[in-house]
N, C-alpha and C. Protein backbone atom coordinates (compact mmCIF):
# COMPACT_ATOMS: atom_id res chain seq x y z
N MET A 1 18.56 31.27 -25.31
CA MET A 1 18.07 31.80 -23.85
C MET A 1 18.90 31.20 -22.41
N GLY A 2 19.74 32.91 -22.33
CA GLY A 2 20.61 32.63 -21.71
C GLY A 2 19.96 32.06 -19.91
N THR A 3 21.73 32.12 -18.92
CA THR A 3 21.06 31.43 -17.18
C THR A 3 20.14 32.10 -16.61
N ARG A 4 20.41 34.11 -16.87
CA ARG A 4 19.10 34.67 -16.29
C ARG A 4 17.48 34.35 -16.53
N GLU A 5 17.35 33.82 -17.35
CA GLU A 5 16.39 33.74 -18.71
C GLU A 5 15.72 31.89 -17.53
N LEU A 6 16.54 31.01 -17.79
CA LEU A 6 16.14 30.02 -17.01
C LEU A 6 16.24 30.14 -15.69
N THR A 7 16.84 30.76 -15.04
CA THR A 7 16.66 30.79 -13.08
C THR A 7 14.89 31.37 -13.71
N TYR A 8 15.11 32.63 -14.32
CA TYR A 8 13.04 33.03 -13.82
C TYR A 8 12.73 32.11 -14.00
N LEU A 9 12.77 31.16 -15.14
CA LEU A 9 11.24 30.18 -15.61
C LEU A 9 11.50 29.42 -14.39
N CYS A 10 12.38 28.71 -14.00
CA CYS A 10 12.27 28.23 -13.11
C CYS A 10 11.64 28.09 -11.83
N ARG A 11 11.74 29.49 -11.37
CA ARG A 11 11.72 30.02 -9.96
C ARG A 11 10.42 30.20 -9.98
N GLU A 12 9.54 30.65 -11.15
CA GLU A 12 8.20 30.15 -11.48
C GLU A 12 7.70 29.29 -11.55
N LEU A 13 8.44 28.65 -12.06
CA LEU A 13 7.50 27.28 -12.71
C LEU A 13 8.15 26.30 -10.84
N LYS A 14 8.90 27.56 -10.37
CA LYS A 14 8.82 26.17 -8.42
C LYS A 14 9.75 24.69 -8.31
N ALA A 15 11.02 25.40 -9.81
CA ALA A 15 11.55 24.22 -9.92
C ALA A 15 12.89 24.04 -9.68
N PRO A 16 13.66 24.32 -8.74
CA PRO A 16 14.82 24.39 -7.82
C PRO A 16 15.66 23.16 -8.73
N SER A 17 15.01 21.94 -9.49
CA SER A 17 16.02 20.65 -8.99
C SER A 17 15.82 20.64 -11.20
N LEU A 18 15.42 21.61 -11.65
CA LEU A 18 15.12 21.26 -13.07
C LEU A 18 16.34 22.40 -13.25
N LEU A 19 16.35 23.01 -12.89
CA LEU A 19 17.55 24.53 -12.79
C LEU A 19 19.12 23.84 -12.93
N ALA A 20 18.86 22.85 -11.36
CA ALA A 20 20.44 22.49 -11.72
C ALA A 20 20.51 21.01 -12.52
N GLY A 21 19.64 20.87 -13.09
CA GLY A 21 19.37 19.44 -14.13
C GLY A 21 19.85 20.14 -15.33
N VAL A 22 19.43 21.26 -15.60
CA VAL A 22 19.42 21.70 -16.98
C VAL A 22 21.25 22.73 -16.88
N GLU A 23 21.58 22.84 -15.47
CA GLU A 23 23.35 22.79 -15.25
C GLU A 23 24.14 21.71 -15.50
N ARG A 24 23.66 20.80 -15.01
CA ARG A 24 24.39 19.85 -14.61
C ARG A 24 24.28 19.12 -15.79
N LEU A 25 23.87 18.69 -16.23
CA LEU A 25 23.31 17.80 -17.13
C LEU A 25 23.66 18.22 -19.23
N GLY A 26 23.35 19.79 -18.50
CA GLY A 26 23.31 20.24 -19.98
C GLY A 26 25.02 20.37 -21.23
N GLU A 27 25.96 19.87 -19.87
CA GLU A 27 27.18 19.93 -21.06
C GLU A 27 27.40 17.84 -21.59
N ARG A 28 27.21 17.65 -20.55
CA ARG A 28 27.18 15.68 -20.94
C ARG A 28 25.97 16.02 -21.96
N ALA A 29 25.11 16.77 -22.15
CA ALA A 29 24.20 16.53 -23.28
C ALA A 29 24.77 16.90 -24.66
N ARG A 30 25.12 18.11 -24.42
CA ARG A 30 26.57 18.81 -25.77
C ARG A 30 27.34 17.13 -26.69
N ALA A 31 28.09 17.14 -24.86
CA ALA A 31 29.26 16.04 -25.35
C ALA A 31 28.55 14.71 -26.16
N GLU A 32 27.60 14.14 -25.19
CA GLU A 32 26.78 12.57 -25.66
C GLU A 32 25.67 13.18 -27.26
N ALA A 33 25.61 14.10 -27.62
CA ALA A 33 24.84 14.93 -28.77
C ALA A 33 23.52 14.10 -28.42
N TRP A 34 22.88 14.10 -27.19
CA TRP A 34 21.58 14.63 -27.19
C TRP A 34 20.15 14.86 -27.77
N SER A 35 19.55 14.49 -27.59
CA SER A 35 18.44 14.93 -28.73
C SER A 35 17.95 16.32 -27.67
N HIS A 36 16.80 17.25 -28.42
CA HIS A 36 16.05 17.78 -27.08
C HIS A 36 14.86 17.00 -26.21
N GLU A 37 14.81 16.26 -26.75
CA GLU A 37 13.25 15.40 -26.01
C GLU A 37 14.50 14.55 -25.13
N GLU A 38 15.96 14.49 -25.36
CA GLU A 38 16.05 13.13 -24.44
C GLU A 38 16.70 14.16 -23.33
N PHE A 39 16.97 15.32 -23.60
CA PHE A 39 17.98 16.14 -22.70
C PHE A 39 16.65 17.01 -21.85
N LEU A 40 14.80 16.86 -22.09
CA LEU A 40 13.68 17.24 -21.45
C LEU A 40 13.68 16.51 -20.81
N ALA A 41 13.74 15.09 -21.14
CA ALA A 41 13.45 13.99 -20.89
C ALA A 41 14.27 14.31 -19.33
N ALA A 42 15.37 13.99 -19.42
CA ALA A 42 16.51 13.88 -18.23
C ALA A 42 16.67 15.12 -17.13
N CYS A 43 15.92 16.49 -17.29
CA CYS A 43 16.01 17.07 -16.78
C CYS A 43 14.39 17.11 -16.11
N LEU A 44 13.98 16.36 -16.32
CA LEU A 44 12.05 16.20 -15.71
C LEU A 44 12.42 15.65 -14.86
N GLU A 45 13.11 14.23 -15.56
CA GLU A 45 12.90 13.27 -14.30
C GLU A 45 14.04 13.47 -12.92
N ARG A 46 15.56 14.77 -13.06
CA ARG A 46 15.73 15.18 -11.72
C ARG A 46 14.64 16.21 -10.68
N GLU A 47 13.65 16.87 -12.00
CA GLU A 47 12.82 17.51 -10.92
C GLU A 47 11.85 16.61 -10.12
N VAL A 48 11.26 15.56 -10.79
CA VAL A 48 10.14 14.55 -10.40
C VAL A 48 11.16 13.61 -9.64
N SER A 49 11.65 13.21 -9.25
CA SER A 49 12.47 12.55 -8.69
C SER A 49 12.57 13.05 -7.47
N ALA A 50 13.25 14.84 -6.81
CA ALA A 50 13.44 15.39 -6.49
C ALA A 50 12.14 15.52 -4.97
N ARG A 51 10.93 15.95 -6.28
CA ARG A 51 9.29 16.40 -5.64
C ARG A 51 9.66 15.52 -5.09
N GLN A 52 9.64 13.91 -5.33
CA GLN A 52 8.68 12.44 -4.86
C GLN A 52 9.49 12.45 -3.28
N SER A 53 11.32 12.81 -3.45
CA SER A 53 11.65 12.30 -1.77
C SER A 53 11.79 13.73 -1.26
N HIS A 54 11.50 14.99 -1.36
CA HIS A 54 10.54 15.94 -0.25
C HIS A 54 9.60 15.74 0.31
N GLY A 55 8.15 15.26 -1.45
CA GLY A 55 7.00 14.89 -0.35
C GLY A 55 7.34 13.48 0.24
N GLY A 56 8.16 13.11 0.18
CA GLY A 56 7.86 11.75 1.23
C GLY A 56 8.59 11.72 2.14
N GLU A 57 9.76 12.64 2.39
CA GLU A 57 9.71 13.32 3.69
C GLU A 57 9.05 13.90 4.62
N ALA A 58 8.18 14.73 3.96
CA ALA A 58 7.46 15.80 4.37
C ALA A 58 6.32 14.67 4.90
N ARG A 59 5.96 13.32 4.29
CA ARG A 59 4.49 12.58 5.02
C ARG A 59 5.48 11.78 5.96
N ILE A 60 6.71 11.71 5.84
CA ILE A 60 7.40 10.78 6.69
C ILE A 60 7.27 11.94 8.45
N ARG A 61 7.49 12.87 7.88
CA ARG A 61 7.67 14.26 9.35
C ARG A 61 5.69 14.02 9.90
N ALA A 62 4.99 14.03 9.21
CA ALA A 62 3.68 13.70 9.53
C ALA A 62 2.95 12.49 10.12
N ALA A 63 3.21 11.70 9.24
CA ALA A 63 3.32 10.47 10.46
C ALA A 63 3.52 10.44 11.82
N ARG A 64 4.60 10.66 12.56
CA ARG A 64 4.93 11.04 13.79
C ARG A 64 5.61 9.74 14.24
N PHE A 65 6.18 9.54 13.25
CA PHE A 65 7.00 8.25 13.12
C PHE A 65 8.12 7.76 15.24
N PRO A 66 8.04 7.44 15.86
CA PRO A 66 8.70 7.50 16.95
C PRO A 66 10.61 7.16 16.62
N ALA A 67 10.60 7.46 15.30
CA ALA A 67 12.26 6.51 14.58
C ALA A 67 12.13 5.77 13.59
N ARG A 68 12.98 6.73 12.65
CA ARG A 68 13.19 5.60 11.21
C ARG A 68 13.97 4.35 10.41
N LYS A 69 12.93 3.76 10.73
CA LYS A 69 13.53 2.23 10.90
C LYS A 69 12.83 2.01 8.84
N THR A 70 13.68 0.87 8.22
CA THR A 70 13.51 -0.11 7.57
C THR A 70 13.21 -1.47 7.41
N LEU A 71 12.89 -1.59 6.26
CA LEU A 71 12.86 -3.38 6.29
C LEU A 71 14.24 -3.83 5.60
N GLU A 72 15.15 -3.20 4.74
CA GLU A 72 16.23 -3.53 4.51
C GLU A 72 16.87 -3.24 6.43
N ASP A 73 16.85 -2.94 6.71
CA ASP A 73 17.56 -2.82 8.37
C ASP A 73 17.10 -4.00 9.38
N PHE A 74 16.20 -4.89 9.07
CA PHE A 74 15.54 -5.60 9.87
C PHE A 74 16.55 -7.07 9.72
N ASP A 75 16.62 -7.68 11.37
CA ASP A 75 17.85 -8.60 10.99
C ASP A 75 17.03 -10.12 11.42
N PHE A 76 16.79 -10.50 9.82
CA PHE A 76 15.61 -11.45 9.79
C PHE A 76 16.49 -13.29 10.43
N ASP A 77 17.99 -12.72 10.59
CA ASP A 77 18.76 -14.02 11.21
C ASP A 77 18.50 -14.01 12.71
N HIS A 78 18.20 -12.46 13.67
CA HIS A 78 18.34 -12.61 14.55
C HIS A 78 16.86 -12.87 15.09
N GLN A 79 15.93 -12.78 13.46
CA GLN A 79 13.97 -12.84 14.01
C GLN A 79 14.09 -14.03 13.65
N ARG A 80 13.96 -15.31 13.51
CA ARG A 80 13.67 -16.21 12.82
C ARG A 80 12.50 -16.79 12.96
N SER A 81 11.27 -16.10 13.66
CA SER A 81 10.26 -17.23 13.68
C SER A 81 9.75 -15.77 12.43
N VAL A 82 10.28 -14.39 11.98
CA VAL A 82 9.47 -13.51 11.07
C VAL A 82 10.27 -14.12 9.46
N ARG A 83 9.23 -14.47 8.90
CA ARG A 83 9.54 -14.42 7.18
C ARG A 83 9.76 -13.65 6.44
N ALA A 84 10.84 -13.74 6.15
CA ALA A 84 11.20 -12.73 4.80
C ALA A 84 10.30 -12.55 4.14
N ASP A 85 9.87 -13.39 2.65
CA ASP A 85 9.11 -13.53 2.32
C ASP A 85 7.93 -13.30 2.54
N VAL A 86 7.54 -13.26 3.74
CA VAL A 86 6.03 -12.87 3.78
C VAL A 86 6.14 -11.11 3.83
N VAL A 87 6.82 -10.96 4.69
CA VAL A 87 7.78 -9.61 5.30
C VAL A 87 8.03 -8.33 3.45
N ALA A 88 8.38 -9.53 2.47
CA ALA A 88 8.78 -8.84 1.00
C ALA A 88 7.44 -8.70 0.56
N HIS A 89 6.66 -9.51 0.52
CA HIS A 89 5.36 -9.36 0.15
C HIS A 89 4.86 -8.14 0.84
N LEU A 90 4.73 -7.70 2.06
CA LEU A 90 3.31 -6.56 2.67
C LEU A 90 4.65 -5.44 1.91
N GLY A 91 6.07 -5.74 1.59
CA GLY A 91 6.48 -4.64 1.69
C GLY A 91 6.26 -4.22 0.05
N ALA A 92 5.60 -4.89 -0.38
CA ALA A 92 5.24 -4.43 -2.37
C ALA A 92 4.33 -3.21 -1.93
N LEU A 93 2.77 -3.42 -0.79
CA LEU A 93 2.17 -2.63 -0.67
C LEU A 93 1.16 -2.51 -1.25
N ASP A 94 1.17 -3.92 -1.54
CA ASP A 94 -0.51 -4.03 -2.50
C ASP A 94 -1.48 -3.93 -1.35
N PHE A 95 -1.24 -4.25 -0.05
CA PHE A 95 -2.74 -4.61 0.69
C PHE A 95 -3.23 -3.13 1.36
N ILE A 96 -2.21 -2.09 0.86
CA ILE A 96 -2.99 -0.64 0.94
C ILE A 96 -3.79 -0.52 -0.48
N GLU A 97 -3.11 -1.09 -1.36
CA GLU A 97 -4.25 -1.02 -2.21
C GLU A 97 -5.82 -1.51 -2.46
N ALA A 98 -5.18 -2.59 -1.96
CA ALA A 98 -7.00 -3.62 -1.27
C ALA A 98 -7.42 -3.37 -0.66
N ARG A 99 -6.59 -2.07 0.92
CA ARG A 99 -7.65 -2.06 1.79
C ARG A 99 -7.84 -2.60 2.93
N SER A 100 -6.75 -3.80 2.86
CA SER A 100 -6.69 -4.56 4.01
C SER A 100 -6.01 -4.44 5.39
N ASN A 101 -5.76 -5.64 5.80
CA ASN A 101 -4.67 -4.89 7.42
C ASN A 101 -3.61 -5.84 6.73
N ALA A 102 -2.03 -5.19 8.12
CA ALA A 102 -1.53 -6.37 8.53
C ALA A 102 -1.59 -5.95 10.29
N VAL A 103 -0.83 -7.46 10.97
CA VAL A 103 -0.83 -7.42 11.97
C VAL A 103 0.37 -8.42 12.35
N PHE A 104 0.83 -7.76 13.43
CA PHE A 104 2.67 -8.80 13.97
C PHE A 104 2.41 -8.98 16.06
N LEU A 105 2.24 -10.61 15.87
CA LEU A 105 2.05 -10.61 16.88
C LEU A 105 3.53 -11.18 17.35
N GLY A 106 3.39 -11.18 18.96
CA GLY A 106 4.69 -11.67 19.74
C GLY A 106 5.38 -10.80 20.70
N PRO A 107 5.85 -12.04 20.99
CA PRO A 107 6.57 -10.99 22.45
C PRO A 107 7.02 -9.77 22.18
N PRO A 108 7.21 -8.83 23.59
CA PRO A 108 8.85 -7.89 22.95
C PRO A 108 10.14 -8.41 22.41
N GLY A 109 10.28 -7.52 22.29
CA GLY A 109 11.85 -7.70 21.33
C GLY A 109 12.21 -8.82 20.25
N THR A 110 10.80 -8.99 19.38
CA THR A 110 10.88 -9.12 18.17
C THR A 110 10.69 -8.30 17.29
N GLY A 111 10.30 -7.37 17.08
CA GLY A 111 10.68 -6.89 15.74
C GLY A 111 9.63 -6.24 15.05
N LYS A 112 8.29 -6.60 15.93
CA LYS A 112 7.04 -5.65 15.66
C LYS A 112 6.92 -4.61 14.86
N SER A 113 7.28 -3.86 16.29
CA SER A 113 7.25 -1.76 15.78
C SER A 113 8.29 -1.90 14.36
N HIS A 114 9.27 -2.51 14.66
CA HIS A 114 10.38 -2.59 13.39
C HIS A 114 9.68 -2.63 11.95
N LEU A 115 8.86 -3.42 11.94
CA LEU A 115 8.26 -3.64 11.12
C LEU A 115 7.19 -2.45 10.89
N SER A 116 6.64 -2.39 12.01
CA SER A 116 5.10 -1.42 11.56
C SER A 116 5.78 -0.03 10.75
N ILE A 117 7.06 0.34 11.21
CA ILE A 117 7.35 1.37 11.69
C ILE A 117 8.08 1.19 10.23
N ALA A 118 8.77 0.67 9.71
CA ALA A 118 8.87 0.08 8.27
C ALA A 118 8.73 0.42 7.25
N LEU A 119 7.07 -0.54 7.01
CA LEU A 119 6.28 -0.32 6.35
C LEU A 119 6.15 1.05 6.09
N GLY A 120 5.06 1.34 7.27
CA GLY A 120 4.47 3.02 7.80
C GLY A 120 5.91 4.08 6.84
N VAL A 121 7.16 3.84 6.84
CA VAL A 121 7.92 4.93 6.18
C VAL A 121 8.52 4.45 4.47
N ARG A 122 7.94 3.30 4.56
CA ARG A 122 7.61 2.61 3.33
C ARG A 122 6.56 2.96 2.19
N ALA A 123 5.58 3.14 2.75
CA ALA A 123 4.23 3.79 2.33
C ALA A 123 4.26 5.24 2.00
N CYS A 124 5.09 5.66 3.44
CA CYS A 124 5.57 7.41 2.64
C CYS A 124 6.19 8.49 1.60
N LEU A 125 7.52 6.77 1.44
CA LEU A 125 8.41 7.21 0.40
C LEU A 125 7.08 7.19 -0.88
N ALA A 126 6.27 6.26 -0.84
CA ALA A 126 5.83 5.70 -1.98
C ALA A 126 4.57 6.24 -2.65
N GLY A 127 4.30 7.06 -1.31
CA GLY A 127 3.15 8.13 -1.69
C GLY A 127 1.79 8.60 -1.32
N HIS A 128 1.95 6.99 -0.20
CA HIS A 128 0.39 7.54 0.89
C HIS A 128 0.75 8.07 1.94
N ARG A 129 0.65 8.79 2.73
CA ARG A 129 -0.09 9.29 3.63
C ARG A 129 0.08 8.38 4.81
N VAL A 130 0.15 8.11 6.07
CA VAL A 130 0.28 7.67 7.35
C VAL A 130 0.10 8.13 8.47
N ALA A 131 -0.79 7.90 9.33
CA ALA A 131 -0.15 8.20 10.77
C ALA A 131 -0.07 6.61 11.74
N PHE A 132 0.80 7.51 12.95
CA PHE A 132 1.20 6.49 13.27
C PHE A 132 1.58 6.94 14.80
N ALA A 133 0.68 5.89 15.72
CA ALA A 133 0.87 5.89 17.48
C ALA A 133 1.02 4.84 17.73
N THR A 134 0.70 4.75 19.29
CA THR A 134 0.50 3.33 20.00
C THR A 134 -0.52 3.25 19.48
N ALA A 135 -1.56 2.68 20.82
CA ALA A 135 -2.47 2.45 21.07
C ALA A 135 -3.67 2.91 22.00
N ALA A 136 -2.59 3.41 23.22
CA ALA A 136 -2.65 4.35 24.37
C ALA A 136 -2.84 5.37 23.54
N GLN A 137 -1.61 5.86 22.63
CA GLN A 137 -2.12 7.44 22.31
C GLN A 137 -3.21 7.72 21.22
N TRP A 138 -3.49 6.95 20.71
CA TRP A 138 -4.42 6.50 19.75
C TRP A 138 -6.11 6.52 21.10
N VAL A 139 -6.35 5.94 21.80
CA VAL A 139 -7.66 6.41 22.86
C VAL A 139 -7.43 7.30 23.53
N ASP A 140 -5.86 7.78 23.79
CA ASP A 140 -5.40 9.03 24.58
C ASP A 140 -6.39 11.08 23.38
N ARG A 141 -5.95 10.45 21.57
CA ARG A 141 -6.51 11.10 20.92
C ARG A 141 -8.05 11.63 20.19
N LEU A 142 -8.22 10.33 20.52
CA LEU A 142 -10.10 9.58 20.49
C LEU A 142 -10.01 10.79 21.52
N GLY A 143 -10.10 10.04 22.49
CA GLY A 143 -10.63 10.72 24.18
C GLY A 143 -11.11 11.53 23.18
N ALA A 144 -9.73 12.71 23.86
CA ALA A 144 -9.55 14.49 23.32
C ALA A 144 -10.99 14.55 22.37
N ALA A 145 -10.68 14.37 21.21
CA ALA A 145 -11.82 14.89 20.05
C ALA A 145 -13.31 14.07 20.47
N HIS A 146 -13.25 12.93 21.42
CA HIS A 146 -14.82 13.13 21.93
C HIS A 146 -15.42 14.25 22.73
N ASP A 147 -14.50 14.46 23.92
CA ASP A 147 -14.39 15.35 24.40
C ASP A 147 -14.96 16.62 24.13
N ALA A 148 -14.29 17.44 22.76
CA ALA A 148 -14.36 17.93 22.55
C ALA A 148 -15.44 18.47 21.83
N GLY A 149 -16.55 17.15 21.63
CA GLY A 149 -17.80 17.03 20.87
C GLY A 149 -17.10 16.82 19.04
N ARG A 150 -16.24 16.78 18.95
CA ARG A 150 -15.96 16.24 17.53
C ARG A 150 -15.15 15.02 16.82
N LEU A 151 -15.86 13.85 17.49
CA LEU A 151 -14.80 12.60 17.33
C LEU A 151 -15.00 11.97 15.55
N GLN A 152 -16.74 12.05 15.42
CA GLN A 152 -16.94 11.63 14.22
C GLN A 152 -16.12 12.35 13.45
N ASP A 153 -15.72 13.58 13.29
CA ASP A 153 -14.81 14.28 12.26
C ASP A 153 -13.18 14.17 12.68
N GLU A 154 -13.04 13.04 13.30
CA GLU A 154 -11.84 13.54 13.63
C GLU A 154 -11.82 11.99 13.06
N LEU A 155 -12.52 10.72 13.21
CA LEU A 155 -12.98 9.41 12.35
C LEU A 155 -12.46 9.55 11.17
N ARG A 156 -13.51 10.90 10.01
CA ARG A 156 -13.64 10.69 9.02
C ARG A 156 -11.97 11.03 8.33
N ARG A 157 -11.55 12.16 9.60
CA ARG A 157 -10.16 12.93 8.75
C ARG A 157 -9.32 11.76 8.51
N LEU A 158 -9.19 11.02 9.25
CA LEU A 158 -8.31 9.03 9.49
C LEU A 158 -8.86 8.46 8.44
N GLY A 159 -10.37 8.35 8.28
CA GLY A 159 -10.76 7.79 6.74
C GLY A 159 -10.17 7.86 6.05
N ARG A 160 -9.64 9.62 5.88
CA ARG A 160 -9.03 9.83 3.97
C ARG A 160 -7.04 9.81 4.49
N VAL A 161 -6.47 8.73 5.51
CA VAL A 161 -5.72 8.63 5.24
C VAL A 161 -5.36 6.94 5.14
N PRO A 162 -4.80 6.97 3.93
CA PRO A 162 -4.83 5.46 3.78
C PRO A 162 -4.24 3.96 4.59
N LEU A 163 -3.13 4.56 5.44
CA LEU A 163 -2.84 3.85 6.15
C LEU A 163 -2.96 4.80 7.91
N VAL A 164 -3.49 3.62 8.84
CA VAL A 164 -2.97 3.87 10.16
C VAL A 164 -2.08 2.98 10.97
N VAL A 165 -1.05 3.29 11.67
CA VAL A 165 -0.54 2.40 12.39
C VAL A 165 -0.78 2.57 13.97
N ILE A 166 -1.41 1.21 14.64
CA ILE A 166 -1.66 1.22 16.04
C ILE A 166 -0.91 0.28 16.65
N ASP A 167 0.34 0.58 17.01
CA ASP A 167 1.68 -0.32 18.02
C ASP A 167 1.24 -0.15 19.48
N GLU A 168 2.19 -1.47 19.90
CA GLU A 168 1.64 -1.40 21.30
C GLU A 168 0.09 -2.44 21.69
N VAL A 169 -0.62 -2.62 20.88
CA VAL A 169 -1.95 -3.15 21.34
C VAL A 169 -1.39 -4.36 22.45
N GLY A 170 -2.04 -4.20 23.38
CA GLY A 170 -2.00 -5.33 24.96
C GLY A 170 -0.51 -4.79 25.60
N TYR A 171 0.02 -3.49 25.49
CA TYR A 171 0.32 -2.93 26.83
C TYR A 171 0.02 -2.60 27.95
N ILE A 172 -1.19 -1.74 27.49
CA ILE A 172 -1.88 -1.59 28.71
C ILE A 172 -3.30 -1.94 28.38
N PRO A 173 -4.44 -2.10 29.46
CA PRO A 173 -5.38 -2.74 29.04
C PRO A 173 -6.90 -2.02 29.15
N PHE A 174 -7.36 -1.83 28.12
CA PHE A 174 -8.57 -0.93 27.78
C PHE A 174 -9.66 -1.14 28.57
N GLN A 175 -10.34 -0.09 29.33
CA GLN A 175 -11.74 -0.19 29.76
C GLN A 175 -12.73 0.64 29.28
N GLY A 176 -13.85 0.27 29.29
CA GLY A 176 -15.24 1.21 29.27
C GLY A 176 -15.07 2.00 28.17
N GLU A 177 -15.15 2.66 28.03
CA GLU A 177 -15.11 3.76 26.87
C GLU A 177 -13.85 3.58 25.87
N ALA A 178 -12.56 3.32 26.58
CA ALA A 178 -11.37 3.74 25.92
C ALA A 178 -10.98 2.39 25.14
N ALA A 179 -12.10 1.28 25.18
CA ALA A 179 -11.86 0.10 24.47
C ALA A 179 -13.00 0.24 23.46
N ASN A 180 -13.74 1.07 23.39
CA ASN A 180 -14.98 1.89 22.34
C ASN A 180 -14.84 2.76 21.78
N LEU A 181 -13.19 3.49 22.38
CA LEU A 181 -12.48 4.51 21.22
C LEU A 181 -11.63 3.77 20.62
N PHE A 182 -10.98 3.07 20.62
CA PHE A 182 -9.78 2.57 20.02
C PHE A 182 -11.36 1.42 18.93
N PHE A 183 -12.34 0.89 19.18
CA PHE A 183 -13.33 -0.08 18.68
C PHE A 183 -13.59 0.70 17.40
N GLN A 184 -14.12 1.53 17.56
CA GLN A 184 -14.41 3.06 16.39
C GLN A 184 -13.60 3.28 15.48
N LEU A 185 -12.65 3.13 16.19
CA LEU A 185 -11.39 3.45 15.44
C LEU A 185 -11.11 2.86 14.15
N VAL A 186 -10.89 1.05 14.32
CA VAL A 186 -10.57 0.35 13.57
C VAL A 186 -11.98 0.08 13.03
N ALA A 187 -13.38 -0.48 13.52
CA ALA A 187 -14.20 -0.20 12.79
C ALA A 187 -14.46 0.70 11.39
N SER A 188 -14.25 2.12 11.63
CA SER A 188 -14.06 2.99 10.41
C SER A 188 -13.73 2.84 9.64
N ARG A 189 -12.41 1.90 9.51
CA ARG A 189 -11.80 2.07 8.44
C ARG A 189 -11.94 0.64 7.75
N TYR A 190 -12.70 -0.17 8.46
CA TYR A 190 -13.43 -1.55 7.69
C TYR A 190 -13.47 -1.69 6.36
N GLU A 191 -12.69 -2.32 5.25
CA GLU A 191 -12.74 -2.31 4.12
C GLU A 191 -12.93 -0.63 3.78
N ARG A 192 -12.47 0.26 4.40
CA ARG A 192 -12.38 1.54 3.66
C ARG A 192 -10.48 1.92 3.88
N ALA A 193 -9.59 1.53 4.49
CA ALA A 193 -8.56 1.47 4.37
C ALA A 193 -7.95 0.64 4.91
N SER A 194 -6.02 1.07 5.16
CA SER A 194 -5.95 0.11 5.78
C SER A 194 -4.91 0.50 7.40
N VAL A 195 -5.23 -0.53 8.21
CA VAL A 195 -4.27 -0.34 9.17
C VAL A 195 -3.28 -1.66 9.63
N ILE A 196 -2.06 -1.25 10.76
CA ILE A 196 -1.51 -1.78 10.87
C ILE A 196 -1.71 -1.57 12.46
N VAL A 197 -1.61 -3.23 12.90
CA VAL A 197 -1.60 -3.28 14.30
C VAL A 197 -0.70 -4.23 14.40
N SER A 198 0.54 -4.02 15.81
CA SER A 198 1.65 -4.77 16.07
C SER A 198 0.97 -4.92 17.51
N SER A 199 0.49 -6.29 18.40
CA SER A 199 0.84 -6.63 19.96
C SER A 199 1.42 -7.84 20.35
N ASN A 200 1.90 -7.71 21.33
CA ASN A 200 2.64 -8.70 22.60
C ASN A 200 1.68 -9.31 22.70
N LYS A 201 0.31 -10.01 22.37
CA LYS A 201 -0.33 -10.86 23.15
C LYS A 201 -0.92 -11.09 21.29
N PRO A 202 -1.25 -12.59 21.74
CA PRO A 202 -2.17 -13.43 20.42
C PRO A 202 -3.89 -13.40 20.62
N PHE A 203 -4.63 -12.89 19.52
CA PHE A 203 -5.61 -13.14 19.18
C PHE A 203 -6.64 -13.04 20.39
N SER A 204 -6.21 -14.57 21.18
CA SER A 204 -7.26 -15.35 21.98
C SER A 204 -7.02 -14.92 23.45
N ARG A 205 -5.97 -13.74 23.30
CA ARG A 205 -5.97 -13.39 24.86
C ARG A 205 -6.24 -11.89 24.95
N TRP A 206 -6.86 -11.39 23.79
CA TRP A 206 -7.47 -9.66 23.15
C TRP A 206 -8.21 -9.59 24.27
N GLY A 207 -8.97 -10.62 24.77
CA GLY A 207 -9.96 -10.36 25.80
C GLY A 207 -9.48 -9.60 27.43
N GLU A 208 -8.15 -10.38 27.38
CA GLU A 208 -7.55 -9.65 28.35
C GLU A 208 -7.43 -7.77 28.53
N VAL A 209 -7.10 -7.54 27.75
CA VAL A 209 -6.94 -6.22 26.53
C VAL A 209 -7.92 -5.11 27.26
N PHE A 210 -8.67 -5.67 26.15
CA PHE A 210 -10.59 -5.15 26.06
C PHE A 210 -11.14 -5.70 26.73
N GLY A 211 -11.22 -5.32 28.77
CA GLY A 211 -12.11 -5.86 29.56
C GLY A 211 -13.43 -5.01 29.29
């Protein structure tokens, strides 16, 4: 089979990385006397890796993170109050599979947003859909849905997203309907999907936030 036929077949399969793998690995396969199965597996692995990478990047864009952060970039020496073993445990993302939650509390500058975003980015790369916004942005978004008569539809849609990140809880106090919308978001995900919350206030002062 010639290059033209391979190009056509890979295009029909929408597998450009597969064609690149055939072209780049062919000479090596001949030199090292790979079996047909080994050569095919190597080419398919290249295509799968490319698709996973592209899918992860698409999920990261869809999540709308304000910046891109990683756990590897976090400075544990600068933030001695943050336990590396706990972060590593969260980084395994088992809490998403368990539909449980993560909460980061502390004063400004302690890395709460960095860790929240980094876990969200890692989740995207691992194949999970993620939605990120600050608490104020979530309330605005849900308020708009409520005014349009589609709040429950929006909550159901978000319920299908495995991880929602709510950043900066406590920076702006919520009153009345805003507090109610926030609690509806959190309650709608209880034992159904995961939430990451970051706040500059301890739980004992959350009454100040939701007055």
